[in-house]
Amino acid sequence: MKQRAVLAVGFVLLGLGALCLVPGVALAGDHKPKNGPVTNLPLPRYVSMKAGKGNVRRGPGLTHKVDWVFVRKDIPLRITAEYGNWRRVQDMDGAGGWMHYSLLSGRRTVVIRKDYTPLRTTPDVGSDPRAYAEQGVVGYLGTCLPLWCRVRAEGHRGWVLKDEMWGVDPQDLRD
């Protein structure tokens, strides 16, 4: 089993580089807005790891080889395809594969992309920082405006620019 690890503040992530094509599942390069054939939820979309450990397979089924193991609860993943009880996921580096849906949660999380990212009191670059997050910190996603999202991480809350985190798209708006 191949492994790739990224370490940051006690954060370990292992990913997969293989891609499997399944009949009826759109290719990753297909950028037309669409819904998944199983859940009828938008594709792509973000979820998080419900489990503390999850096998990532080359294809959608237990007979497919395990190439990677994600080992961080709450890490955000992007679902790009659905097939039965299986979801094709990608991590922030684009690595991924197929995971069983029971290992995933609809709870939205994000990963901070750069060191010393301020969590601000208001969604304004001039507002005071409440705290600073290191690269790799995982936070829970709250309200999202066109450029900003409210994030809660390790007991701290604040507003973070969308382009300073992974797990949210520029067009995402949340109440």
N, C-alpha and C. Protein backbone atom coordinates (compact mmCIF):
# COMPACT_ATOMS: atom_id res chain seq x y z
N MET A 1 0.85 -1.17 0.00
CA MET A 1 0.00 0.00 0.00
C MET A 1 0.90 1.23 0.00
N LYS A 2 0.68 2.13 -0.94
CA LYS A 2 1.44 3.38 -1.00
C LYS A 2 0.92 4.33 0.06
N GLN A 3 1.83 5.15 0.60
CA GLN A 3 1.41 6.12 1.59
C GLN A 3 2.10 7.44 1.35
N ARG A 4 1.40 8.49 1.64
CA ARG A 4 1.92 9.85 1.54
C ARG A 4 1.43 10.57 2.76
N ALA A 5 2.30 11.18 3.50
CA ALA A 5 1.89 11.83 4.74
C ALA A 5 2.22 13.31 4.70
N VAL A 6 1.31 14.11 5.24
CA VAL A 6 1.51 15.54 5.42
C VAL A 6 1.32 15.80 6.90
N LEU A 7 2.32 16.39 7.56
CA LEU A 7 2.24 16.64 8.99
C LEU A 7 2.17 18.12 9.26
N ALA A 8 1.27 18.51 10.13
CA ALA A 8 1.17 19.91 10.57
C ALA A 8 0.32 19.94 11.82
N VAL A 9 0.87 20.35 12.92
CA VAL A 9 0.17 20.50 14.19
C VAL A 9 -0.63 19.23 14.52
N GLY A 10 0.02 18.11 14.54
CA GLY A 10 -0.63 16.86 14.88
C GLY A 10 -1.62 16.38 13.85
N PHE A 11 -1.51 16.84 12.63
CA PHE A 11 -2.45 16.56 11.56
C PHE A 11 -1.76 15.63 10.58
N VAL A 12 -2.30 14.42 10.40
CA VAL A 12 -1.71 13.46 9.48
C VAL A 12 -2.73 13.12 8.42
N LEU A 13 -2.28 13.10 7.19
CA LEU A 13 -3.18 12.84 6.07
C LEU A 13 -2.48 11.90 5.12
N LEU A 14 -3.13 10.83 4.78
CA LEU A 14 -2.59 9.91 3.80
C LEU A 14 -3.54 9.90 2.62
N GLY A 15 -3.04 9.91 1.40
CA GLY A 15 -3.89 10.03 0.23
C GLY A 15 -3.65 8.99 -0.83
N LEU A 16 -4.43 9.05 -1.94
CA LEU A 16 -4.37 8.10 -3.04
C LEU A 16 -4.23 8.83 -4.35
N GLY A 17 -3.44 8.31 -5.24
CA GLY A 17 -3.25 8.95 -6.53
C GLY A 17 -3.98 8.25 -7.66
N ALA A 18 -4.58 7.10 -7.43
CA ALA A 18 -5.22 6.34 -8.50
C ALA A 18 -6.62 6.87 -8.79
N LEU A 19 -7.05 6.72 -10.04
CA LEU A 19 -8.38 7.15 -10.46
C LEU A 19 -9.05 5.98 -11.16
N CYS A 20 -10.28 5.70 -10.82
CA CYS A 20 -11.00 4.59 -11.41
C CYS A 20 -12.18 5.13 -12.20
N LEU A 21 -12.38 4.61 -13.39
CA LEU A 21 -13.53 5.02 -14.20
C LEU A 21 -14.62 3.98 -14.04
N VAL A 22 -15.84 4.44 -13.76
CA VAL A 22 -16.99 3.57 -13.57
C VAL A 22 -18.07 4.03 -14.53
N PRO A 23 -18.72 3.12 -15.23
CA PRO A 23 -19.80 3.53 -16.13
C PRO A 23 -20.85 4.36 -15.40
N GLY A 24 -21.28 5.44 -16.00
CA GLY A 24 -22.31 6.29 -15.42
C GLY A 24 -21.78 7.32 -14.44
N VAL A 25 -20.48 7.34 -14.19
CA VAL A 25 -19.89 8.29 -13.27
C VAL A 25 -19.10 9.31 -14.09
N ALA A 26 -19.36 10.59 -13.86
CA ALA A 26 -18.73 11.64 -14.65
C ALA A 26 -17.24 11.73 -14.35
N LEU A 27 -16.47 12.15 -15.34
CA LEU A 27 -15.04 12.38 -15.17
C LEU A 27 -14.81 13.63 -14.34
N ALA A 28 -13.66 13.69 -13.68
CA ALA A 28 -13.32 14.83 -12.84
C ALA A 28 -13.26 16.13 -13.64
N GLY A 29 -12.94 16.07 -14.93
CA GLY A 29 -12.83 17.27 -15.75
C GLY A 29 -14.17 17.82 -16.21
N ASP A 30 -15.26 17.12 -15.92
CA ASP A 30 -16.59 17.58 -16.31
C ASP A 30 -17.04 18.67 -15.34
N HIS A 31 -17.09 19.92 -15.80
CA HIS A 31 -17.36 21.05 -14.91
C HIS A 31 -18.80 21.52 -14.95
N LYS A 32 -19.69 20.80 -15.61
CA LYS A 32 -21.09 21.18 -15.62
C LYS A 32 -21.71 20.91 -14.25
N PRO A 33 -22.45 21.89 -13.70
CA PRO A 33 -23.12 21.63 -12.42
C PRO A 33 -24.09 20.47 -12.58
N LYS A 34 -24.01 19.50 -11.65
CA LYS A 34 -24.88 18.34 -11.74
C LYS A 34 -25.10 17.78 -10.35
N ASN A 35 -26.03 16.86 -10.26
CA ASN A 35 -26.30 16.19 -9.01
C ASN A 35 -25.89 14.74 -9.12
N GLY A 36 -25.53 14.14 -7.98
CA GLY A 36 -25.11 12.75 -7.95
C GLY A 36 -26.27 11.82 -8.27
N PRO A 37 -25.99 10.72 -8.97
CA PRO A 37 -27.05 9.79 -9.37
C PRO A 37 -27.64 9.01 -8.19
N VAL A 38 -26.94 8.95 -7.06
CA VAL A 38 -27.41 8.19 -5.90
C VAL A 38 -28.13 9.10 -4.91
N THR A 39 -27.48 10.18 -4.50
CA THR A 39 -28.02 11.05 -3.45
C THR A 39 -28.81 12.24 -3.99
N ASN A 40 -28.63 12.55 -5.26
CA ASN A 40 -29.21 13.74 -5.89
C ASN A 40 -28.67 15.03 -5.25
N LEU A 41 -27.52 14.94 -4.58
CA LEU A 41 -26.85 16.11 -4.02
C LEU A 41 -25.84 16.63 -5.04
N PRO A 42 -25.48 17.90 -4.95
CA PRO A 42 -24.56 18.48 -5.94
C PRO A 42 -23.21 17.78 -5.98
N LEU A 43 -22.67 17.68 -7.18
CA LEU A 43 -21.31 17.20 -7.40
C LEU A 43 -20.54 18.26 -8.15
N PRO A 44 -19.33 18.58 -7.76
CA PRO A 44 -18.68 18.11 -6.54
C PRO A 44 -19.24 18.82 -5.32
N ARG A 45 -18.95 18.24 -4.13
CA ARG A 45 -19.35 18.84 -2.85
C ARG A 45 -18.35 18.42 -1.79
N TYR A 46 -18.33 19.14 -0.68
CA TYR A 46 -17.41 18.85 0.41
C TYR A 46 -18.12 18.11 1.54
N VAL A 47 -17.39 17.19 2.15
CA VAL A 47 -17.82 16.45 3.33
C VAL A 47 -16.61 16.38 4.26
N SER A 48 -16.74 15.66 5.35
CA SER A 48 -15.60 15.45 6.24
C SER A 48 -15.55 13.98 6.63
N MET A 49 -14.40 13.57 7.16
CA MET A 49 -14.24 12.20 7.63
C MET A 49 -14.99 12.03 8.95
N LYS A 50 -15.91 11.09 8.99
CA LYS A 50 -16.63 10.78 10.22
C LYS A 50 -15.77 9.88 11.10
N ALA A 51 -15.06 9.00 10.47
CA ALA A 51 -14.23 8.03 11.18
C ALA A 51 -12.82 8.58 11.38
N GLY A 52 -12.08 7.98 12.29
CA GLY A 52 -10.69 8.37 12.52
C GLY A 52 -9.75 7.71 11.53
N LYS A 53 -10.26 6.71 10.81
CA LYS A 53 -9.44 5.99 9.84
C LYS A 53 -10.37 5.47 8.75
N GLY A 54 -9.95 5.63 7.49
CA GLY A 54 -10.79 5.16 6.39
C GLY A 54 -9.97 4.69 5.20
N ASN A 55 -10.26 3.49 4.73
CA ASN A 55 -9.58 2.96 3.55
C ASN A 55 -10.05 3.68 2.29
N VAL A 56 -9.12 3.95 1.42
CA VAL A 56 -9.39 4.57 0.13
C VAL A 56 -9.01 3.55 -0.94
N ARG A 57 -9.97 3.17 -1.75
CA ARG A 57 -9.79 2.07 -2.70
C ARG A 57 -9.71 2.58 -4.14
N ARG A 58 -9.18 1.71 -5.01
CA ARG A 58 -9.06 2.04 -6.44
C ARG A 58 -10.40 2.09 -7.14
N GLY A 59 -11.36 1.38 -6.62
CA GLY A 59 -12.69 1.34 -7.23
C GLY A 59 -13.75 1.24 -6.17
N PRO A 60 -15.01 1.38 -6.58
CA PRO A 60 -16.13 1.38 -5.63
C PRO A 60 -16.57 -0.03 -5.24
N GLY A 61 -15.88 -0.63 -4.28
CA GLY A 61 -16.24 -1.96 -3.80
C GLY A 61 -15.14 -2.55 -2.95
N LEU A 62 -15.51 -3.50 -2.10
CA LEU A 62 -14.55 -4.12 -1.20
C LEU A 62 -13.53 -4.99 -1.91
N THR A 63 -13.82 -5.37 -3.15
CA THR A 63 -12.88 -6.20 -3.90
C THR A 63 -11.73 -5.39 -4.49
N HIS A 64 -11.85 -4.07 -4.49
CA HIS A 64 -10.79 -3.21 -5.03
C HIS A 64 -9.68 -3.01 -4.00
N LYS A 65 -8.48 -2.90 -4.50
CA LYS A 65 -7.30 -2.75 -3.65
C LYS A 65 -7.34 -1.45 -2.85
N VAL A 66 -6.91 -1.51 -1.59
CA VAL A 66 -6.75 -0.32 -0.75
C VAL A 66 -5.41 0.30 -1.10
N ASP A 67 -5.44 1.53 -1.59
CA ASP A 67 -4.21 2.22 -1.95
C ASP A 67 -3.75 3.19 -0.87
N TRP A 68 -4.69 3.77 -0.15
CA TRP A 68 -4.38 4.77 0.86
C TRP A 68 -5.28 4.58 2.06
N VAL A 69 -4.88 5.19 3.16
CA VAL A 69 -5.71 5.24 4.35
C VAL A 69 -5.69 6.68 4.86
N PHE A 70 -6.86 7.30 4.93
CA PHE A 70 -6.95 8.62 5.56
C PHE A 70 -7.06 8.38 7.05
N VAL A 71 -6.26 9.09 7.85
CA VAL A 71 -6.21 8.82 9.28
C VAL A 71 -6.43 10.08 10.12
N ARG A 72 -7.34 10.93 9.70
CA ARG A 72 -7.61 12.15 10.48
C ARG A 72 -9.09 12.41 10.49
N LYS A 73 -9.73 12.22 11.64
CA LYS A 73 -11.15 12.53 11.78
C LYS A 73 -11.37 14.02 11.48
N ASP A 74 -12.47 14.33 10.85
CA ASP A 74 -12.92 15.69 10.51
C ASP A 74 -12.17 16.33 9.33
N ILE A 75 -11.22 15.66 8.72
CA ILE A 75 -10.51 16.25 7.58
C ILE A 75 -11.52 16.46 6.44
N PRO A 76 -11.49 17.63 5.78
CA PRO A 76 -12.42 17.83 4.67
C PRO A 76 -12.01 17.02 3.43
N LEU A 77 -12.99 16.51 2.75
CA LEU A 77 -12.79 15.78 1.50
C LEU A 77 -13.81 16.28 0.49
N ARG A 78 -13.45 16.22 -0.77
CA ARG A 78 -14.35 16.66 -1.85
C ARG A 78 -14.87 15.43 -2.57
N ILE A 79 -16.19 15.27 -2.60
CA ILE A 79 -16.81 14.17 -3.34
C ILE A 79 -16.94 14.60 -4.79
N THR A 80 -16.41 13.75 -5.69
CA THR A 80 -16.46 14.06 -7.11
C THR A 80 -17.34 13.09 -7.90
N ALA A 81 -17.71 11.95 -7.29
CA ALA A 81 -18.55 10.97 -7.97
C ALA A 81 -19.22 10.07 -6.94
N GLU A 82 -20.30 9.42 -7.38
CA GLU A 82 -21.05 8.48 -6.54
C GLU A 82 -21.30 7.21 -7.33
N TYR A 83 -21.27 6.08 -6.64
CA TYR A 83 -21.62 4.81 -7.26
C TYR A 83 -22.11 3.90 -6.14
N GLY A 84 -23.41 3.67 -6.06
CA GLY A 84 -23.98 2.88 -4.98
C GLY A 84 -23.66 3.51 -3.63
N ASN A 85 -23.09 2.71 -2.72
CA ASN A 85 -22.72 3.20 -1.40
C ASN A 85 -21.31 3.77 -1.35
N TRP A 86 -20.72 4.04 -2.48
CA TRP A 86 -19.34 4.49 -2.58
C TRP A 86 -19.26 5.91 -3.10
N ARG A 87 -18.29 6.66 -2.58
CA ARG A 87 -18.07 8.04 -3.01
C ARG A 87 -16.60 8.20 -3.40
N ARG A 88 -16.37 8.80 -4.57
CA ARG A 88 -15.00 9.11 -4.96
C ARG A 88 -14.64 10.44 -4.33
N VAL A 89 -13.56 10.46 -3.55
CA VAL A 89 -13.18 11.64 -2.79
C VAL A 89 -11.76 12.08 -3.16
N GLN A 90 -11.49 13.37 -2.89
CA GLN A 90 -10.15 13.94 -3.07
C GLN A 90 -9.81 14.73 -1.82
N ASP A 91 -8.52 14.72 -1.47
CA ASP A 91 -8.05 15.57 -0.38
C ASP A 91 -7.56 16.89 -0.95
N MET A 92 -6.98 17.74 -0.12
CA MET A 92 -6.56 19.07 -0.56
C MET A 92 -5.43 19.04 -1.58
N ASP A 93 -4.73 17.91 -1.70
CA ASP A 93 -3.67 17.78 -2.70
C ASP A 93 -4.15 17.12 -3.97
N GLY A 94 -5.44 16.78 -4.03
CA GLY A 94 -6.00 16.12 -5.20
C GLY A 94 -5.89 14.61 -5.17
N ALA A 95 -5.27 14.06 -4.12
CA ALA A 95 -5.16 12.62 -3.99
C ALA A 95 -6.47 12.06 -3.45
N GLY A 96 -6.82 10.85 -3.82
CA GLY A 96 -8.04 10.27 -3.31
C GLY A 96 -8.35 8.95 -3.96
N GLY A 97 -9.59 8.58 -3.90
CA GLY A 97 -10.08 7.32 -4.43
C GLY A 97 -11.49 7.11 -3.93
N TRP A 98 -11.89 5.86 -3.81
CA TRP A 98 -13.26 5.52 -3.44
C TRP A 98 -13.35 5.13 -1.97
N MET A 99 -14.33 5.70 -1.26
CA MET A 99 -14.58 5.40 0.14
C MET A 99 -16.05 5.04 0.33
N HIS A 100 -16.31 4.18 1.30
CA HIS A 100 -17.69 3.85 1.64
C HIS A 100 -18.34 5.06 2.31
N TYR A 101 -19.58 5.32 1.97
CA TYR A 101 -20.27 6.52 2.46
C TYR A 101 -20.37 6.56 3.99
N SER A 102 -20.35 5.42 4.66
CA SER A 102 -20.50 5.39 6.12
C SER A 102 -19.31 6.01 6.85
N LEU A 103 -18.19 6.20 6.15
CA LEU A 103 -17.00 6.81 6.74
C LEU A 103 -17.01 8.33 6.64
N LEU A 104 -18.02 8.87 5.96
CA LEU A 104 -18.09 10.30 5.67
C LEU A 104 -19.24 10.97 6.41
N SER A 105 -19.07 12.27 6.67
CA SER A 105 -20.09 13.07 7.35
C SER A 105 -20.39 14.30 6.50
N GLY A 106 -21.61 14.77 6.56
CA GLY A 106 -21.99 16.00 5.87
C GLY A 106 -21.52 17.25 6.59
N ARG A 107 -20.96 17.09 7.78
CA ARG A 107 -20.47 18.24 8.56
C ARG A 107 -19.29 18.87 7.82
N ARG A 108 -19.38 20.18 7.60
CA ARG A 108 -18.37 20.88 6.80
C ARG A 108 -17.19 21.31 7.66
N THR A 109 -16.01 21.00 7.18
CA THR A 109 -14.77 21.42 7.81
C THR A 109 -13.85 22.02 6.75
N VAL A 110 -12.82 22.71 7.20
CA VAL A 110 -11.83 23.31 6.30
C VAL A 110 -10.44 23.08 6.88
N VAL A 111 -9.43 23.19 6.02
CA VAL A 111 -8.03 23.13 6.44
C VAL A 111 -7.40 24.48 6.13
N ILE A 112 -6.70 25.04 7.09
CA ILE A 112 -5.99 26.31 6.90
C ILE A 112 -4.79 26.05 5.99
N ARG A 113 -4.64 26.88 4.94
CA ARG A 113 -3.60 26.66 3.93
C ARG A 113 -2.24 27.25 4.28
N LYS A 114 -2.21 28.32 5.07
CA LYS A 114 -0.92 28.95 5.33
C LYS A 114 -0.75 29.26 6.81
N ASP A 115 0.51 29.31 7.21
CA ASP A 115 0.84 29.59 8.59
C ASP A 115 0.42 31.00 9.00
N TYR A 116 0.06 31.13 10.26
CA TYR A 116 -0.24 32.42 10.87
C TYR A 116 -1.44 33.10 10.19
N THR A 117 -2.47 32.33 9.91
CA THR A 117 -3.70 32.86 9.31
C THR A 117 -4.56 33.45 10.42
N PRO A 118 -4.94 34.73 10.31
CA PRO A 118 -5.75 35.35 11.37
C PRO A 118 -7.21 34.91 11.32
N LEU A 119 -7.77 34.67 12.50
CA LEU A 119 -9.21 34.49 12.67
C LEU A 119 -9.70 35.83 13.19
N ARG A 120 -10.36 36.61 12.33
CA ARG A 120 -10.69 38.00 12.62
C ARG A 120 -12.06 38.14 13.30
N THR A 121 -12.24 39.27 14.01
CA THR A 121 -13.49 39.51 14.74
C THR A 121 -14.66 39.79 13.80
N THR A 122 -14.39 40.40 12.65
CA THR A 122 -15.41 40.67 11.64
C THR A 122 -14.85 40.33 10.26
N PRO A 123 -15.70 40.15 9.26
CA PRO A 123 -15.21 39.81 7.92
C PRO A 123 -14.63 41.03 7.20
N ASP A 124 -13.49 41.49 7.68
CA ASP A 124 -12.83 42.69 7.15
C ASP A 124 -11.34 42.55 7.42
N VAL A 125 -10.50 42.79 6.40
CA VAL A 125 -9.05 42.64 6.58
C VAL A 125 -8.50 43.62 7.62
N GLY A 126 -9.24 44.68 7.92
CA GLY A 126 -8.80 45.65 8.92
C GLY A 126 -9.22 45.32 10.33
N SER A 127 -10.04 44.28 10.51
CA SER A 127 -10.51 43.96 11.86
C SER A 127 -9.43 43.21 12.64
N ASP A 128 -9.54 43.31 13.96
CA ASP A 128 -8.56 42.69 14.84
C ASP A 128 -8.63 41.16 14.79
N PRO A 129 -7.49 40.51 14.80
CA PRO A 129 -7.48 39.05 14.89
C PRO A 129 -7.80 38.60 16.31
N ARG A 130 -8.61 37.55 16.43
CA ARG A 130 -8.89 36.94 17.73
C ARG A 130 -7.84 35.90 18.06
N ALA A 131 -7.34 35.26 17.00
CA ALA A 131 -6.32 34.20 17.15
C ALA A 131 -5.66 34.02 15.79
N TYR A 132 -4.59 33.26 15.79
CA TYR A 132 -3.89 32.92 14.55
C TYR A 132 -3.82 31.40 14.44
N ALA A 133 -4.09 30.87 13.25
CA ALA A 133 -4.07 29.43 13.02
C ALA A 133 -2.83 29.06 12.20
N GLU A 134 -2.25 27.93 12.54
CA GLU A 134 -1.13 27.41 11.78
C GLU A 134 -1.63 26.64 10.56
N GLN A 135 -0.76 26.48 9.59
CA GLN A 135 -1.07 25.69 8.41
C GLN A 135 -1.43 24.27 8.83
N GLY A 136 -2.49 23.72 8.26
CA GLY A 136 -2.90 22.36 8.57
C GLY A 136 -3.95 22.23 9.65
N VAL A 137 -4.26 23.32 10.34
CA VAL A 137 -5.31 23.27 11.36
C VAL A 137 -6.65 23.00 10.69
N VAL A 138 -7.43 22.10 11.28
CA VAL A 138 -8.77 21.78 10.77
C VAL A 138 -9.78 22.54 11.61
N GLY A 139 -10.71 23.23 10.93
CA GLY A 139 -11.74 23.99 11.62
C GLY A 139 -13.11 23.64 11.09
N TYR A 140 -14.12 23.95 11.89
CA TYR A 140 -15.51 23.72 11.50
C TYR A 140 -16.04 24.96 10.80
N LEU A 141 -16.71 24.75 9.68
CA LEU A 141 -17.18 25.84 8.84
C LEU A 141 -18.55 26.33 9.30
N GLY A 142 -18.67 27.64 9.43
CA GLY A 142 -19.93 28.27 9.80
C GLY A 142 -20.48 29.08 8.64
N THR A 143 -20.93 30.28 8.92
CA THR A 143 -21.48 31.19 7.91
C THR A 143 -20.43 31.53 6.87
N CYS A 144 -20.85 31.56 5.60
CA CYS A 144 -19.95 31.98 4.52
C CYS A 144 -20.59 33.11 3.73
N LEU A 145 -19.83 34.16 3.54
CA LEU A 145 -20.18 35.31 2.71
C LEU A 145 -19.42 35.17 1.40
N PRO A 146 -19.56 36.12 0.46
CA PRO A 146 -18.84 35.97 -0.81
C PRO A 146 -17.32 35.80 -0.68
N LEU A 147 -16.66 36.46 0.26
CA LEU A 147 -15.20 36.37 0.39
C LEU A 147 -14.73 35.73 1.69
N TRP A 148 -15.60 35.63 2.68
CA TRP A 148 -15.22 35.23 4.03
C TRP A 148 -16.08 34.07 4.54
N CYS A 149 -15.51 33.30 5.48
CA CYS A 149 -16.28 32.30 6.22
C CYS A 149 -15.92 32.38 7.69
N ARG A 150 -16.90 32.09 8.51
CA ARG A 150 -16.66 32.02 9.96
C ARG A 150 -16.21 30.59 10.26
N VAL A 151 -15.13 30.49 11.02
CA VAL A 151 -14.52 29.19 11.32
C VAL A 151 -14.34 29.05 12.83
N ARG A 152 -14.55 27.83 13.32
CA ARG A 152 -14.29 27.50 14.72
C ARG A 152 -13.23 26.40 14.74
N ALA A 153 -12.12 26.67 15.43
CA ALA A 153 -11.04 25.70 15.50
C ALA A 153 -10.36 25.77 16.87
N GLU A 154 -10.24 24.63 17.51
CA GLU A 154 -9.53 24.51 18.77
C GLU A 154 -9.96 25.56 19.81
N GLY A 155 -11.27 25.78 19.91
CA GLY A 155 -11.80 26.71 20.90
C GLY A 155 -11.80 28.17 20.48
N HIS A 156 -11.36 28.47 19.29
CA HIS A 156 -11.34 29.85 18.80
C HIS A 156 -12.29 29.99 17.62
N ARG A 157 -12.89 31.19 17.51
CA ARG A 157 -13.81 31.49 16.40
C ARG A 157 -13.36 32.77 15.73
N GLY A 158 -13.58 32.83 14.43
CA GLY A 158 -13.27 34.06 13.72
C GLY A 158 -13.53 33.92 12.24
N TRP A 159 -13.37 35.03 11.54
CA TRP A 159 -13.60 35.11 10.11
C TRP A 159 -12.27 34.91 9.37
N VAL A 160 -12.32 34.07 8.33
CA VAL A 160 -11.13 33.76 7.54
C VAL A 160 -11.49 33.95 6.06
N LEU A 161 -10.57 34.54 5.31
CA LEU A 161 -10.77 34.66 3.86
C LEU A 161 -10.85 33.27 3.24
N LYS A 162 -11.76 33.08 2.29
CA LYS A 162 -11.95 31.78 1.65
C LYS A 162 -10.67 31.26 1.00
N ASP A 163 -9.89 32.15 0.41
CA ASP A 163 -8.69 31.68 -0.29
C ASP A 163 -7.55 31.29 0.66
N GLU A 164 -7.76 31.42 1.97
CA GLU A 164 -6.76 31.02 2.95
C GLU A 164 -7.06 29.64 3.56
N MET A 165 -8.07 28.95 2.99
CA MET A 165 -8.42 27.63 3.50
C MET A 165 -8.89 26.74 2.36
N TRP A 166 -8.87 25.42 2.61
CA TRP A 166 -9.36 24.45 1.64
C TRP A 166 -10.54 23.73 2.25
N GLY A 167 -11.58 23.52 1.43
CA GLY A 167 -12.79 22.86 1.90
C GLY A 167 -14.02 23.70 1.64
N VAL A 168 -13.82 24.83 0.97
CA VAL A 168 -14.91 25.73 0.61
C VAL A 168 -14.59 26.33 -0.76
N ASP A 169 -15.59 26.41 -1.61
CA ASP A 169 -15.41 26.99 -2.94
C ASP A 169 -15.74 28.47 -2.92
N PRO A 170 -15.20 29.26 -3.85
CA PRO A 170 -15.45 30.70 -3.89
C PRO A 170 -16.95 31.05 -3.95
N GLN A 171 -17.75 30.22 -4.60
CA GLN A 171 -19.18 30.52 -4.75
C GLN A 171 -20.03 30.03 -3.58
N ASP A 172 -19.43 29.34 -2.60
CA ASP A 172 -20.19 28.82 -1.45
C ASP A 172 -20.69 29.96 -0.56
N LEU A 173 -21.98 29.96 -0.30
CA LEU A 173 -22.62 30.88 0.64
C LEU A 173 -23.37 30.03 1.66
N ARG A 174 -23.23 30.36 2.94
CA ARG A 174 -23.89 29.61 4.01
C ARG A 174 -24.41 30.56 5.07
N ASP A 175 -25.58 30.23 5.63
CA ASP A 175 -26.14 31.02 6.74
C ASP A 175 -25.69 30.48 8.06
